[in-house]
Each structure stands twice: as structure tokens, then as C-alpha cells.
Amino acid sequence: MRNSRLAIACLLTLLLTLGACQSEVAYHHYRHVSSPGWDKSDTLHFNIPPVRESGYYEMLAELRTDKNYPFQKITLIVSQTVIPEGKSFYDRLDCRLINQNGVIEGDGISYFQYQFHVRDMRLNKGDSIHLCISHNMKREIMPGIADVGICLKQKEAGRISDE
């Protein structure tokens, strides 16, 4: 019974991941957070390879949590450096995971999937990005965070918000 629930949860997570970042995906990757939780000093690094074409891109931070996460929100710090230009961005995301009524806002059964907009950016063909994510919570170790991911997808022309 437990194995079938785990299999269903994994299948749903895979389907949600595929649906969340569709055909225009330039990069999509997760880093696993080791047990017993995400340590405040454990900055996760992502190296996004050079994009194939110039255009506007949307960056999304993604989380997978389980029922052991003890708070309604998590604050993420996302810093990005565009290479070769060297232009840097720093974003602080206040991410709601559980609403005021105690209802989990993520999708899933035993693991919950979340996606948060980081920023829209203009990239030139061949630009790559070095990206770092950490949490900015008072508690040193955040239990219940299983994976942290980044999705970079190309946007249609004319569908860009201000940086």
C-alpha cells in the first residue's frame, strides 16, 4: 500500500513538472536537499548552459516539500550572474507554502510541488547563468524541503514584465 502511494506521488510529481515547464524550456534541474533538512549554509549552485537563441526568458524557482515543513512560508535568496556580460541580479522571494487555514498550496500527495516566479530577463544567444539559491529563515535547518529546482523558459515576444 505504501509503495503504491509513493509510486503515485512520484508519477504525479513527474506529470506536474512536465506540465509546469513546457516546450520552451531552456533549462530545468533540481538539486536534492540532504536529510535532516536544508541547512542555511548550504547554498545550492546551478550552472545554466548557454541559451540557443536571444530573447526574453522567465526564471522560476521550484520546491518539493513533504508534510514535515513546519512553517507557512519560506524566504529564498536567488542570485544570478549572466556570463559573459557579468551582469548580476539578486532576488528575495517570500514563498507561501501553506495558507492561513493550514491548507497546503502545492500540488501533490506526499510530496508537494511549488513554483515561484523569480524574474524575467533578456538574454543574448550564448549567454549562460551561474545561479545560487539559499534560504533566509531564522532557523538554521529547514526540515521538509526535499528538492530545490530552477526552470528557465523562453517567453513569447511581447509577454515580458519589468525586471
C-alpha atoms as a PDB file:
ATOM      1  CA  MET A   1       0.000   0.000   0.000  1.00  0.00           C
ATOM      2  CA  ARG A   2       2.762   2.410   0.984  1.00  0.00           C
ATOM      3  CA  ASN A   3       4.762   1.596  -2.169  1.00  0.00           C
ATOM      4  CA  SER A   4       1.745   2.254  -4.387  1.00  0.00           C
ATOM      5  CA  ARG A   5       1.205   5.655  -2.743  1.00  0.00           C
ATOM      6  CA  LEU A   6       4.864   6.518  -3.295  1.00  0.00           C
ATOM      7  CA  ALA A   7       4.646   5.432  -6.927  1.00  0.00           C
ATOM      8  CA  ILE A   8       1.520   7.542  -7.472  1.00  0.00           C
ATOM      9  CA  ALA A   9       3.182  10.552  -5.789  1.00  0.00           C
ATOM     10  CA  CYS A  10       6.272  10.186  -7.987  1.00  0.00           C
ATOM     11  CA  LEU A  11       4.124   9.894 -11.119  1.00  0.00           C
ATOM     12  CA  LEU A  12       2.086  12.985 -10.189  1.00  0.00           C
ATOM     13  CA  THR A  13       5.248  14.955  -9.436  1.00  0.00           C
ATOM     14  CA  LEU A  14       6.688  13.982 -12.821  1.00  0.00           C
ATOM     15  CA  LEU A  15       3.491  14.967 -14.631  1.00  0.00           C
ATOM     16  CA  LEU A  16       3.290  18.282 -12.773  1.00  0.00           C
ATOM     17  CA  THR A  17       6.931  19.005 -13.540  1.00  0.00           C
ATOM     18  CA  LEU A  18       6.427  18.299 -17.220  1.00  0.00           C
ATOM     19  CA  GLY A  19       3.310  20.463 -17.292  1.00  0.00           C
ATOM     20  CA  ALA A  20       4.884  23.339 -15.348  1.00  0.00           C
ATOM     21  CA  CYS A  21       7.761  23.905 -17.749  1.00  0.00           C
ATOM     22  CA  GLN A  22       6.586  23.078 -21.228  1.00  0.00           C
ATOM     23  CA  SER A  23       8.133  23.125 -24.714  1.00  0.00           C
ATOM     24  CA  GLU A  24      10.029  26.410 -24.469  1.00  0.00           C
ATOM     25  CA  VAL A  25      12.229  25.165 -21.625  1.00  0.00           C
ATOM     26  CA  ALA A  26      15.873  26.175 -21.893  1.00  0.00           C
ATOM     27  CA  TYR A  27      16.903  24.634 -18.545  1.00  0.00           C
ATOM     28  CA  HIS A  28      15.196  22.634 -15.813  1.00  0.00           C
ATOM     29  CA  HIS A  29      17.081  20.972 -12.969  1.00  0.00           C
ATOM     30  CA  TYR A  30      16.655  20.065  -9.307  1.00  0.00           C
ATOM     31  CA  ARG A  31      19.193  19.697  -6.510  1.00  0.00           C
ATOM     32  CA  HIS A  32      18.363  17.266  -3.723  1.00  0.00           C
ATOM     33  CA  VAL A  33      18.498  18.592  -0.164  1.00  0.00           C
ATOM     34  CA  SER A  34      20.137  16.176   2.243  1.00  0.00           C
ATOM     35  CA  SER A  35      18.492  14.949   5.413  1.00  0.00           C
ATOM     36  CA  PRO A  36      17.639  16.180   8.094  1.00  0.00           C
ATOM     37  CA  GLY A  37      16.845  19.380   6.155  1.00  0.00           C
ATOM     38  CA  TRP A  38      18.136  22.312   4.163  1.00  0.00           C
ATOM     39  CA  ASP A  39      20.933  23.933   6.137  1.00  0.00           C
ATOM     40  CA  LYS A  40      21.128  27.722   5.950  1.00  0.00           C
ATOM     41  CA  SER A  41      24.817  27.490   4.988  1.00  0.00           C
ATOM     42  CA  ASP A  42      24.074  25.018   2.173  1.00  0.00           C
ATOM     43  CA  THR A  43      23.847  27.263  -0.884  1.00  0.00           C
ATOM     44  CA  LEU A  44      22.696  25.366  -3.953  1.00  0.00           C
ATOM     45  CA  HIS A  45      24.508  26.177  -7.208  1.00  0.00           C
ATOM     46  CA  PHE A  46      23.130  25.852 -10.725  1.00  0.00           C
ATOM     47  CA  ASN A  47      25.104  26.450 -13.930  1.00  0.00           C
ATOM     48  CA  ILE A  48      22.670  27.139 -16.748  1.00  0.00           C
ATOM     49  CA  PRO A  49      24.366  26.385 -20.082  1.00  0.00           C
ATOM     50  CA  PRO A  50      24.418  28.933 -22.930  1.00  0.00           C
ATOM     51  CA  VAL A  51      20.987  29.670 -24.390  1.00  0.00           C
ATOM     52  CA  ARG A  52      20.496  28.787 -28.053  1.00  0.00           C
ATOM     53  CA  GLU A  53      18.766  31.992 -29.070  1.00  0.00           C
ATOM     54  CA  SER A  54      18.371  35.575 -27.970  1.00  0.00           C
ATOM     55  CA  GLY A  55      15.110  36.546 -26.345  1.00  0.00           C
ATOM     56  CA  TYR A  56      13.184  37.055 -23.165  1.00  0.00           C
ATOM     57  CA  TYR A  57      13.294  34.313 -20.572  1.00  0.00           C
ATOM     58  CA  GLU A  58      11.322  33.621 -17.418  1.00  0.00           C
ATOM     59  CA  MET A  59      13.129  32.180 -14.414  1.00  0.00           C
ATOM     60  CA  LEU A  60      11.205  30.093 -11.878  1.00  0.00           C
ATOM     61  CA  ALA A  61      12.356  28.697  -8.535  1.00  0.00           C
ATOM     62  CA  GLU A  62      10.844  25.344  -7.653  1.00  0.00           C
ATOM     63  CA  LEU A  63      10.475  23.468  -4.380  1.00  0.00           C
ATOM     64  CA  ARG A  64       9.424  19.983  -3.382  1.00  0.00           C
ATOM     65  CA  THR A  65       8.380  19.614   0.244  1.00  0.00           C
ATOM     66  CA  ASP A  66       6.828  16.988   2.451  1.00  0.00           C
ATOM     67  CA  LYS A  67       4.498  17.275   5.432  1.00  0.00           C
ATOM     68  CA  ASN A  68       7.427  17.889   7.806  1.00  0.00           C
ATOM     69  CA  TYR A  69       7.868  21.516   6.714  1.00  0.00           C
ATOM     70  CA  PRO A  70       6.985  23.499   9.880  1.00  0.00           C
ATOM     71  CA  PHE A  71       6.079  26.968   8.521  1.00  0.00           C
ATOM     72  CA  GLN A  72       3.594  28.643   6.178  1.00  0.00           C
ATOM     73  CA  LYS A  73       6.284  30.400   4.131  1.00  0.00           C
ATOM     74  CA  ILE A  74       9.914  30.195   3.176  1.00  0.00           C
ATOM     75  CA  THR A  75      12.158  33.049   2.095  1.00  0.00           C
ATOM     76  CA  LEU A  76      14.549  32.239  -0.734  1.00  0.00           C
ATOM     77  CA  ILE A  77      17.571  34.249  -1.835  1.00  0.00           C
ATOM     78  CA  VAL A  78      18.340  33.825  -5.536  1.00  0.00           C
ATOM     79  CA  SER A  79      21.437  35.427  -7.017  1.00  0.00           C
ATOM     80  CA  GLN A  80      22.275  35.175 -10.688  1.00  0.00           C
ATOM     81  CA  THR A  81      25.253  36.225 -12.774  1.00  0.00           C
ATOM     82  CA  VAL A  82      24.863  36.340 -16.547  1.00  0.00           C
ATOM     83  CA  ILE A  83      28.038  35.216 -18.316  1.00  0.00           C
ATOM     84  CA  PRO A  84      29.954  36.619 -20.238  1.00  0.00           C
ATOM     85  CA  GLU A  85      28.416  40.042 -19.537  1.00  0.00           C
ATOM     86  CA  GLY A  86      28.885  39.739 -15.777  1.00  0.00           C
ATOM     87  CA  LYS A  87      25.548  41.405 -15.019  1.00  0.00           C
ATOM     88  CA  SER A  88      24.257  40.284 -11.605  1.00  0.00           C
ATOM     89  CA  PHE A  89      20.767  40.080 -10.128  1.00  0.00           C
ATOM     90  CA  TYR A  90      19.680  39.451  -6.559  1.00  0.00           C
ATOM     91  CA  ASP A  91      16.138  38.419  -5.715  1.00  0.00           C
ATOM     92  CA  ARG A  92      14.434  37.727  -2.417  1.00  0.00           C
ATOM     93  CA  LEU A  93      11.330  35.576  -2.707  1.00  0.00           C
ATOM     94  CA  ASP A  94       8.758  35.249   0.064  1.00  0.00           C
ATOM     95  CA  CYS A  95       7.103  31.986  -0.894  1.00  0.00           C
ATOM     96  CA  ARG A  96       3.791  30.903   0.642  1.00  0.00           C
ATOM     97  CA  LEU A  97       3.550  27.124   1.023  1.00  0.00           C
ATOM     98  CA  ILE A  98       0.582  26.804   3.376  1.00  0.00           C
ATOM     99  CA  ASN A  99      -2.347  29.220   3.518  1.00  0.00           C
ATOM    100  CA  GLN A 100      -3.797  30.805   6.662  1.00  0.00           C
ATOM    101  CA  ASN A 101      -6.275  27.940   7.046  1.00  0.00           C
ATOM    102  CA  GLY A 102      -3.455  25.366   7.145  1.00  0.00           C
ATOM    103  CA  VAL A 103      -4.116  24.102   3.620  1.00  0.00           C
ATOM    104  CA  ILE A 104      -1.040  23.147   1.599  1.00  0.00           C
ATOM    105  CA  GLU A 105      -0.932  25.249  -1.569  1.00  0.00           C
ATOM    106  CA  GLY A 106       1.377  22.938  -3.510  1.00  0.00           C
ATOM    107  CA  ASP A 107       0.394  20.157  -5.871  1.00  0.00           C
ATOM    108  CA  GLY A 108       0.916  16.552  -4.836  1.00  0.00           C
ATOM    109  CA  ILE A 109       0.042  13.879  -2.294  1.00  0.00           C
ATOM    110  CA  SER A 110       3.023  13.031  -0.085  1.00  0.00           C
ATOM    111  CA  TYR A 111       5.445  15.475  -1.737  1.00  0.00           C
ATOM    112  CA  PHE A 112       4.230  18.906  -2.721  1.00  0.00           C
ATOM    113  CA  GLN A 113       5.460  20.825  -5.748  1.00  0.00           C
ATOM    114  CA  TYR A 114       5.701  24.618  -5.831  1.00  0.00           C
ATOM    115  CA  GLN A 115       6.806  27.083  -8.483  1.00  0.00           C
ATOM    116  CA  PHE A 116       7.651  30.744  -7.854  1.00  0.00           C
ATOM    117  CA  HIS A 117       8.443  33.476 -10.360  1.00  0.00           C
ATOM    118  CA  VAL A 118      11.972  34.847  -9.848  1.00  0.00           C
ATOM    119  CA  ARG A 119      12.316  37.287 -12.735  1.00  0.00           C
ATOM    120  CA  ASP A 120      12.049  37.865 -16.470  1.00  0.00           C
ATOM    121  CA  MET A 121      15.279  38.693 -18.266  1.00  0.00           C
ATOM    122  CA  ARG A 122      16.635  39.396 -21.710  1.00  0.00           C
ATOM    123  CA  LEU A 123      19.396  37.003 -22.736  1.00  0.00           C
ATOM    124  CA  ASN A 124      21.585  37.013 -25.820  1.00  0.00           C
ATOM    125  CA  LYS A 125      22.435  33.897 -27.787  1.00  0.00           C
ATOM    126  CA  GLY A 126      25.287  32.157 -25.966  1.00  0.00           C
ATOM    127  CA  ASP A 127      24.622  33.758 -22.554  1.00  0.00           C
ATOM    128  CA  SER A 128      24.852  31.386 -19.606  1.00  0.00           C
ATOM    129  CA  ILE A 129      23.914  31.917 -15.976  1.00  0.00           C
ATOM    130  CA  HIS A 130      25.545  30.964 -12.710  1.00  0.00           C
ATOM    131  CA  LEU A 131      22.807  30.866 -10.098  1.00  0.00           C
ATOM    132  CA  CYS A 132      22.823  30.351  -6.318  1.00  0.00           C
ATOM    133  CA  ILE A 133      19.842  29.681  -4.037  1.00  0.00           C
ATOM    134  CA  SER A 134      19.760  29.656  -0.261  1.00  0.00           C
ATOM    135  CA  HIS A 135      17.037  30.071   2.326  1.00  0.00           C
ATOM    136  CA  ASN A 136      16.849  33.114   4.583  1.00  0.00           C
ATOM    137  CA  MET A 137      14.980  31.756   7.580  1.00  0.00           C
ATOM    138  CA  LYS A 138      15.853  32.263  11.265  1.00  0.00           C
ATOM    139  CA  ARG A 139      16.012  28.509  11.767  1.00  0.00           C
ATOM    140  CA  GLU A 140      19.347  27.057  10.621  1.00  0.00           C
ATOM    141  CA  ILE A 141      17.994  23.759   9.305  1.00  0.00           C
ATOM    142  CA  MET A 142      14.676  23.662   7.462  1.00  0.00           C
ATOM    143  CA  PRO A 143      13.141  20.170   7.640  1.00  0.00           C
ATOM    144  CA  GLY A 144      10.668  19.064   4.999  1.00  0.00           C
ATOM    145  CA  ILE A 145      12.460  20.558   1.975  1.00  0.00           C
ATOM    146  CA  ALA A 146      13.310  17.658  -0.340  1.00  0.00           C
ATOM    147  CA  ASP A 147      14.451  19.351  -3.562  1.00  0.00           C
ATOM    148  CA  VAL A 148      15.119  22.829  -4.909  1.00  0.00           C
ATOM    149  CA  GLY A 149      14.989  23.494  -8.630  1.00  0.00           C
ATOM    150  CA  ILE A 150      15.327  26.095 -11.351  1.00  0.00           C
ATOM    151  CA  CYS A 151      13.369  26.354 -14.567  1.00  0.00           C
ATOM    152  CA  LEU A 152      14.367  28.811 -17.296  1.00  0.00           C
ATOM    153  CA  LYS A 153      11.975  29.067 -20.203  1.00  0.00           C
ATOM    154  CA  GLN A 154      11.782  31.311 -23.209  1.00  0.00           C
ATOM    155  CA  LYS A 155       8.847  33.702 -23.317  1.00  0.00           C
ATOM    156  CA  GLU A 156       6.848  34.792 -26.297  1.00  0.00           C
ATOM    157  CA  ALA A 157       7.721  38.250 -27.595  1.00  0.00           C
ATOM    158  CA  GLY A 158       5.526  40.899 -26.003  1.00  0.00           C
ATOM    159  CA  ARG A 159       4.856  38.839 -22.849  1.00  0.00           C
ATOM    160  CA  ILE A 160       7.535  40.281 -20.591  1.00  0.00           C
ATOM    161  CA  SER A 161       7.121  42.038 -17.267  1.00  0.00           C
ATOM    162  CA  ASP A 162       9.542  44.637 -15.943  1.00  0.00           C
ATOM    163  CA  GLU A 163      12.746  43.317 -14.356  1.00  0.00           C
END
